PDB file of N, CA and C in Angstrom:
ATOM      1  N   UNK A   1      15.160  -6.984  11.272  1.00  0.00           N
ATOM      2  CA  UNK A   1      14.576  -7.518  10.137  1.00  0.00           C
ATOM      3  C   UNK A   1      15.631  -7.562   8.986  1.00  0.00           C
ATOM      4  N   UNK A   2      15.753  -8.750   8.438  1.00  0.00           N
ATOM      5  CA  UNK A   2      16.793  -8.733   7.330  1.00  0.00           C
ATOM      6  C   UNK A   2      16.181  -7.915   6.052  1.00  0.00           C
ATOM      7  N   UNK A   3      17.124  -7.066   5.375  1.00  0.00           N
ATOM      8  CA  UNK A   3      16.888  -6.575   4.142  1.00  0.00           C
ATOM      9  C   UNK A   3      17.118  -7.178   3.003  1.00  0.00           C
ATOM     10  N   UNK A   4      16.239  -7.161   2.024  1.00  0.00           N
ATOM     11  CA  UNK A   4      16.387  -7.767   0.659  1.00  0.00           C
ATOM     12  C   UNK A   4      15.477  -7.193  -0.288  1.00  0.00           C
ATOM     13  N   UNK A   5      15.758  -7.453  -1.642  1.00  0.00           N
ATOM     14  CA  UNK A   5      14.885  -6.730  -2.605  1.00  0.00           C
ATOM     15  C   UNK A   5      13.417  -7.435  -2.441  1.00  0.00           C
ATOM     16  N   UNK A   6      12.523  -6.468  -2.994  1.00  0.00           N
ATOM     17  CA  UNK A   6      11.185  -7.097  -3.103  1.00  0.00           C
ATOM     18  C   UNK A   6      10.583  -6.852  -4.411  1.00  0.00           C
ATOM     19  N   UNK A   7       9.634  -7.680  -4.771  1.00  0.00           N
ATOM     20  CA  UNK A   7       9.274  -7.618  -6.331  1.00  0.00           C
ATOM     21  C   UNK A   7       8.156  -6.394  -6.408  1.00  0.00           C
ATOM     22  N   UNK A   8       7.958  -5.556  -5.530  1.00  0.00           N
ATOM     23  CA  UNK A   8       7.004  -4.471  -5.769  1.00  0.00           C
ATOM     24  C   UNK A   8       7.790  -3.236  -5.653  1.00  0.00           C
ATOM     25  N   UNK A   9       7.183  -2.143  -6.018  1.00  0.00           N
ATOM     26  CA  UNK A   9       7.867  -0.791  -5.873  1.00  0.00           C
ATOM     27  C   UNK A   9       8.109  -0.502  -4.269  1.00  0.00           C
ATOM     28  N   UNK A  10       9.219  -0.097  -3.938  1.00  0.00           N
ATOM     29  CA  UNK A  10       9.524   0.161  -2.404  1.00  0.00           C
ATOM     30  C   UNK A  10       9.958   1.584  -2.121  1.00  0.00           C
ATOM     31  N   UNK A  11       9.249   2.132  -1.150  1.00  0.00           N
ATOM     32  CA  UNK A  11       9.698   3.557  -0.680  1.00  0.00           C
ATOM     33  C   UNK A  11      10.130   3.458   0.782  1.00  0.00           C
ATOM     34  N   UNK A  12      11.324   3.767   0.986  1.00  0.00           N
ATOM     35  CA  UNK A  12      11.808   3.752   2.323  1.00  0.00           C
ATOM     36  C   UNK A  12      12.028   5.332   2.774  1.00  0.00           C
ATOM     37  N   UNK A  13      11.541   5.499   3.974  1.00  0.00           N
ATOM     38  CA  UNK A  13      11.538   6.994   4.381  1.00  0.00           C
ATOM     39  C   UNK A  13      12.171   7.070   5.802  1.00  0.00           C
ATOM     40  N   UNK A  14      12.918   8.122   6.044  1.00  0.00           N
ATOM     41  CA  UNK A  14      13.431   8.317   7.426  1.00  0.00           C
ATOM     42  C   UNK A  14      13.957   9.547   7.565  1.00  0.00           C
ATOM     43  N   UNK A  15      14.437  10.012   8.767  1.00  0.00           N
ATOM     44  CA  UNK A  15      14.891  11.219   9.092  1.00  0.00           C
ATOM     45  C   UNK A  15      16.165  11.099   9.364  1.00  0.00           C
ATOM     46  N   UNK A  16      17.033  12.070   9.031  1.00  0.00           N
ATOM     47  CA  UNK A  16      18.619  11.868   9.292  1.00  0.00           C
ATOM     48  C   UNK A  16      18.898  12.201  10.756  1.00  0.00           C
ATOM     49  N   UNK A  17      18.003  12.784  11.491  1.00  0.00           N
ATOM     50  CA  UNK A  17      18.395  13.068  12.779  1.00  0.00           C
ATOM     51  C   UNK A  17      17.485  12.201  13.792  1.00  0.00           C
ATOM     52  N   UNK A  18      17.216  11.022  13.275  1.00  0.00           N
ATOM     53  CA  UNK A  18      16.221  10.147  14.159  1.00  0.00           C
ATOM     54  C   UNK A  18      17.116   9.320  15.098  1.00  0.00           C
ATOM     55  N   UNK A  19      16.936   9.369  16.245  1.00  0.00           N
ATOM     56  CA  UNK A  19      17.774   8.705  17.282  1.00  0.00           C
ATOM     57  C   UNK A  19      17.307   7.425  17.517  1.00  0.00           C
ATOM     58  N   UNK A  20      16.228   6.937  16.990  1.00  0.00           N
ATOM     59  CA  UNK A  20      15.579   5.526  17.043  1.00  0.00           C
ATOM     60  C   UNK A  20      16.011   4.631  16.124  1.00  0.00           C
ATOM     61  N   UNK A  21      15.719   4.948  14.749  1.00  0.00           N
ATOM     62  CA  UNK A  21      16.187   4.288  13.640  1.00  0.00           C
ATOM     63  C   UNK A  21      17.155   5.260  12.966  1.00  0.00           C
ATOM     64  N   UNK A  22      18.408   5.085  13.395  1.00  0.00           N
ATOM     65  CA  UNK A  22      19.497   5.955  12.867  1.00  0.00           C
ATOM     66  C   UNK A  22      19.690   5.705  11.381  1.00  0.00           C
ATOM     67  N   UNK A  23      20.265   6.835  10.934  1.00  0.00           N
ATOM     68  CA  UNK A  23      20.604   7.001   9.627  1.00  0.00           C
ATOM     69  C   UNK A  23      21.301   5.906   8.873  1.00  0.00           C
ATOM     70  N   UNK A  24      22.131   5.101   9.544  1.00  0.00           N
ATOM     71  CA  UNK A  24      22.922   3.981   9.001  1.00  0.00           C
ATOM     72  C   UNK A  24      21.890   2.834   8.653  1.00  0.00           C
ATOM     73  N   UNK A  25      20.727   2.832   9.509  1.00  0.00           N
ATOM     74  CA  UNK A  25      19.674   1.775   9.166  1.00  0.00           C
ATOM     75  C   UNK A  25      19.074   2.140   7.806  1.00  0.00           C
ATOM     76  N   UNK A  26      18.570   3.426   7.598  1.00  0.00           N
ATOM     77  CA  UNK A  26      18.002   3.936   6.485  1.00  0.00           C
ATOM     78  C   UNK A  26      18.919   3.543   5.221  1.00  0.00           C
ATOM     79  N   UNK A  27      20.275   4.039   5.362  1.00  0.00           N
ATOM     80  CA  UNK A  27      21.177   3.816   4.289  1.00  0.00           C
ATOM     81  C   UNK A  27      21.371   2.284   3.996  1.00  0.00           C
ATOM     82  N   UNK A  28      21.244   1.360   4.939  1.00  0.00           N
ATOM     83  CA  UNK A  28      21.355  -0.067   4.804  1.00  0.00           C
ATOM     84  C   UNK A  28      20.360  -0.461   3.619  1.00  0.00           C
ATOM     85  N   UNK A  29      19.312   0.110   3.323  1.00  0.00           N
ATOM     86  CA  UNK A  29      18.302  -0.287   2.406  1.00  0.00           C
ATOM     87  C   UNK A  29      18.770   0.074   0.960  1.00  0.00           C
ATOM     88  N   UNK A  30      19.793   1.063   0.688  1.00  0.00           N
ATOM     89  CA  UNK A  30      20.144   1.392  -0.451  1.00  0.00           C
ATOM     90  C   UNK A  30      20.855   0.281  -1.467  1.00  0.00           C
ATOM     91  N   UNK A  31      21.552  -0.708  -0.959  1.00  0.00           N
ATOM     92  CA  UNK A  31      21.993  -1.739  -1.844  1.00  0.00           C
ATOM     93  C   UNK A  31      20.927  -2.587  -2.359  1.00  0.00           C
ATOM     94  N   UNK A  32      19.694  -2.584  -1.728  1.00  0.00           N
ATOM     95  CA  UNK A  32      18.524  -3.535  -2.164  1.00  0.00           C
ATOM     96  C   UNK A  32      17.392  -2.871  -2.993  1.00  0.00           C
ATOM     97  N   UNK A  33      17.711  -1.489  -3.291  1.00  0.00           N
ATOM     98  CA  UNK A  33      16.647  -0.802  -3.907  1.00  0.00           C
ATOM     99  C   UNK A  33      16.860  -1.077  -5.454  1.00  0.00           C
ATOM    100  N   UNK A  34      15.783  -1.374  -6.150  1.00  0.00           N
ATOM    101  CA  UNK A  34      15.835  -1.725  -7.554  1.00  0.00           C
ATOM    102  C   UNK A  34      15.200  -0.435  -8.183  1.00  0.00           C
ATOM    103  N   UNK A  35      15.363  -0.522  -9.596  1.00  0.00           N
ATOM    104  CA  UNK A  35      14.822   0.713 -10.373  1.00  0.00           C
ATOM    105  C   UNK A  35      13.341   0.950 -10.042  1.00  0.00           C
ATOM    106  N   UNK A  36      13.123   2.139  -9.826  1.00  0.00           N
ATOM    107  CA  UNK A  36      11.753   2.621  -9.478  1.00  0.00           C
ATOM    108  C   UNK A  36      11.535   2.765  -7.911  1.00  0.00           C
ATOM    109  N   UNK A  37      12.327   2.231  -7.182  1.00  0.00           N
ATOM    110  CA  UNK A  37      12.376   2.310  -5.729  1.00  0.00           C
ATOM    111  C   UNK A  37      12.872   3.575  -5.282  1.00  0.00           C
ATOM    112  N   UNK A  38      12.549   4.009  -3.979  1.00  0.00           N
ATOM    113  CA  UNK A  38      12.928   5.470  -3.546  1.00  0.00           C
ATOM    114  C   UNK A  38      13.316   5.346  -2.175  1.00  0.00           C
ATOM    115  N   UNK A  39      14.423   5.864  -1.690  1.00  0.00           N
ATOM    116  CA  UNK A  39      14.831   6.019  -0.356  1.00  0.00           C
ATOM    117  C   UNK A  39      14.946   7.604  -0.074  1.00  0.00           C
ATOM    118  N   UNK A  40      13.918   7.989   0.734  1.00  0.00           N
ATOM    119  CA  UNK A  40      13.801   9.560   0.975  1.00  0.00           C
ATOM    120  C   UNK A  40      14.253   9.886   2.447  1.00  0.00           C
ATOM    121  N   UNK A  41      15.145  10.760   2.416  1.00  0.00           N
ATOM    122  CA  UNK A  41      15.543  11.197   3.905  1.00  0.00           C
ATOM    123  C   UNK A  41      15.214  12.560   4.119  1.00  0.00           C
ATOM    124  N   UNK A  42      14.459  12.908   5.261  1.00  0.00           N
ATOM    125  CA  UNK A  42      13.939  14.131   5.652  1.00  0.00           C
ATOM    126  C   UNK A  42      15.165  14.690   6.599  1.00  0.00           C
ATOM    127  N   UNK A  43      15.674  15.919   6.496  1.00  0.00           N
ATOM    128  CA  UNK A  43      16.822  16.495   7.067  1.00  0.00           C
ATOM    129  C   UNK A  43      16.582  16.553   8.660  1.00  0.00           C
ATOM    130  N   UNK A  44      15.498  16.904   9.138  1.00  0.00           N
ATOM    131  CA  UNK A  44      15.142  17.025  10.553  1.00  0.00           C
ATOM    132  C   UNK A  44      13.774  16.734  10.834  1.00  0.00           C
ATOM    133  N   UNK A  45      13.356  16.411  11.952  1.00  0.00           N
ATOM    134  CA  UNK A  45      12.074  15.999  12.364  1.00  0.00           C
ATOM    135  C   UNK A  45      12.259  14.705  13.397  1.00  0.00           C
ATOM    136  N   UNK A  46      13.335  14.328  13.342  1.00  0.00           N
ATOM    137  CA  UNK A  46      13.454  13.076  14.185  1.00  0.00           C
ATOM    138  C   UNK A  46      12.658  11.992  13.847  1.00  0.00           C
ATOM    139  N   UNK A  47      12.367  11.128  14.983  1.00  0.00           N
ATOM    140  CA  UNK A  47      11.500   9.907  14.764  1.00  0.00           C
ATOM    141  C   UNK A  47      10.021  10.052  14.197  1.00  0.00           C
ATOM    142  N   UNK A  48       9.454  11.247  14.493  1.00  0.00           N
ATOM    143  CA  UNK A  48       8.136  11.364  14.320  1.00  0.00           C
ATOM    144  C   UNK A  48       7.926  12.480  13.101  1.00  0.00           C
ATOM    145  N   UNK A  49       8.919  12.528  12.269  1.00  0.00           N
ATOM    146  CA  UNK A  49       8.741  13.508  11.009  1.00  0.00           C
ATOM    147  C   UNK A  49       7.643  13.463  10.293  1.00  0.00           C
ATOM    148  N   UNK A  50       7.159  12.347  10.188  1.00  0.00           N
ATOM    149  CA  UNK A  50       5.756  11.940   9.446  1.00  0.00           C
ATOM    150  C   UNK A  50       4.627  12.613  10.106  1.00  0.00           C
ATOM    151  N   UNK A  51       4.617  12.673  11.454  1.00  0.00           N
ATOM    152  CA  UNK A  51       3.689  13.413  12.050  1.00  0.00           C
ATOM    153  C   UNK A  51       3.633  14.936  12.170  1.00  0.00           C
ATOM    154  N   UNK A  52       4.892  15.448  12.280  1.00  0.00           N
ATOM    155  CA  UNK A  52       5.126  17.017  12.358  1.00  0.00           C
ATOM    156  C   UNK A  52       5.137  17.329  10.924  1.00  0.00           C
ATOM    157  N   UNK A  53       5.397  16.726   9.860  1.00  0.00           N
ATOM    158  CA  UNK A  53       5.561  17.143   8.470  1.00  0.00           C
ATOM    159  C   UNK A  53       4.604  16.429   7.482  1.00  0.00           C
ATOM    160  N   UNK A  54       3.345  16.328   7.931  1.00  0.00           N
ATOM    161  CA  UNK A  54       2.615  15.426   7.078  1.00  0.00           C
ATOM    162  C   UNK A  54       2.318  15.827   5.741  1.00  0.00           C
ATOM    163  N   UNK A  55       2.366  17.076   5.303  1.00  0.00           N
ATOM    164  CA  UNK A  55       2.123  17.748   3.943  1.00  0.00           C
ATOM    165  C   UNK A  55       3.372  17.313   3.161  1.00  0.00           C
ATOM    166  N   UNK A  56       4.496  17.376   3.725  1.00  0.00           N
ATOM    167  CA  UNK A  56       5.778  17.063   2.903  1.00  0.00           C
ATOM    168  C   UNK A  56       5.883  15.585   2.667  1.00  0.00           C
ATOM    169  N   UNK A  57       5.461  14.685   3.691  1.00  0.00           N
ATOM    170  CA  UNK A  57       5.547  13.281   3.514  1.00  0.00           C
ATOM    171  C   UNK A  57       4.496  12.877   2.481  1.00  0.00           C
ATOM    172  N   UNK A  58       3.452  13.414   2.561  1.00  0.00           N
ATOM    173  CA  UNK A  58       2.216  13.096   1.652  1.00  0.00           C
ATOM    174  C   UNK A  58       2.783  13.484   0.160  1.00  0.00           C
ATOM    175  N   UNK A  59       3.512  14.580  -0.145  1.00  0.00           N
ATOM    176  CA  UNK A  59       3.892  14.913  -1.447  1.00  0.00           C
ATOM    177  C   UNK A  59       5.013  13.912  -1.763  1.00  0.00           C
ATOM    178  N   UNK A  60       5.777  13.459  -0.750  1.00  0.00           N
ATOM    179  CA  UNK A  60       6.649  12.469  -1.306  1.00  0.00           C
ATOM    180  C   UNK A  60       6.123  11.211  -1.763  1.00  0.00           C
ATOM    181  N   UNK A  61       5.131  10.830  -1.005  1.00  0.00           N
ATOM    182  CA  UNK A  61       4.362   9.599  -1.323  1.00  0.00           C
ATOM    183  C   UNK A  61       3.621   9.614  -2.647  1.00  0.00           C
ATOM    184  N   UNK A  62       2.978  10.784  -2.936  1.00  0.00           N
ATOM    185  CA  UNK A  62       2.319  10.996  -4.162  1.00  0.00           C
ATOM    186  C   UNK A  62       3.267  11.187  -5.385  1.00  0.00           C
ATOM    187  N   UNK A  63       4.432  11.586  -5.141  1.00  0.00           N
ATOM    188  CA  UNK A  63       5.415  11.745  -6.206  1.00  0.00           C
ATOM    189  C   UNK A  63       6.073  10.410  -6.597  1.00  0.00           C
ATOM    190  N   UNK A  64       6.050   9.422  -5.507  1.00  0.00           N
ATOM    191  CA  UNK A  64       6.395   8.209  -5.687  1.00  0.00           C
ATOM    192  C   UNK A  64       5.600   7.323  -6.524  1.00  0.00           C
TER     193      UNK A  64
END
């Protein structure tokens, strides 16, 4: 999917040790982030970090 800026606040989340959506894919969003957008990386948890760390992910979403 092509990356490009969107006119709404954007939050991109990922895990640095994800073997499916690798770190480079997550970093690829950085040039397209605008003021108020967020790119959050969890250091471990692999592809299902949101399942295994729901409280941490919820906090990041609420802070966003």
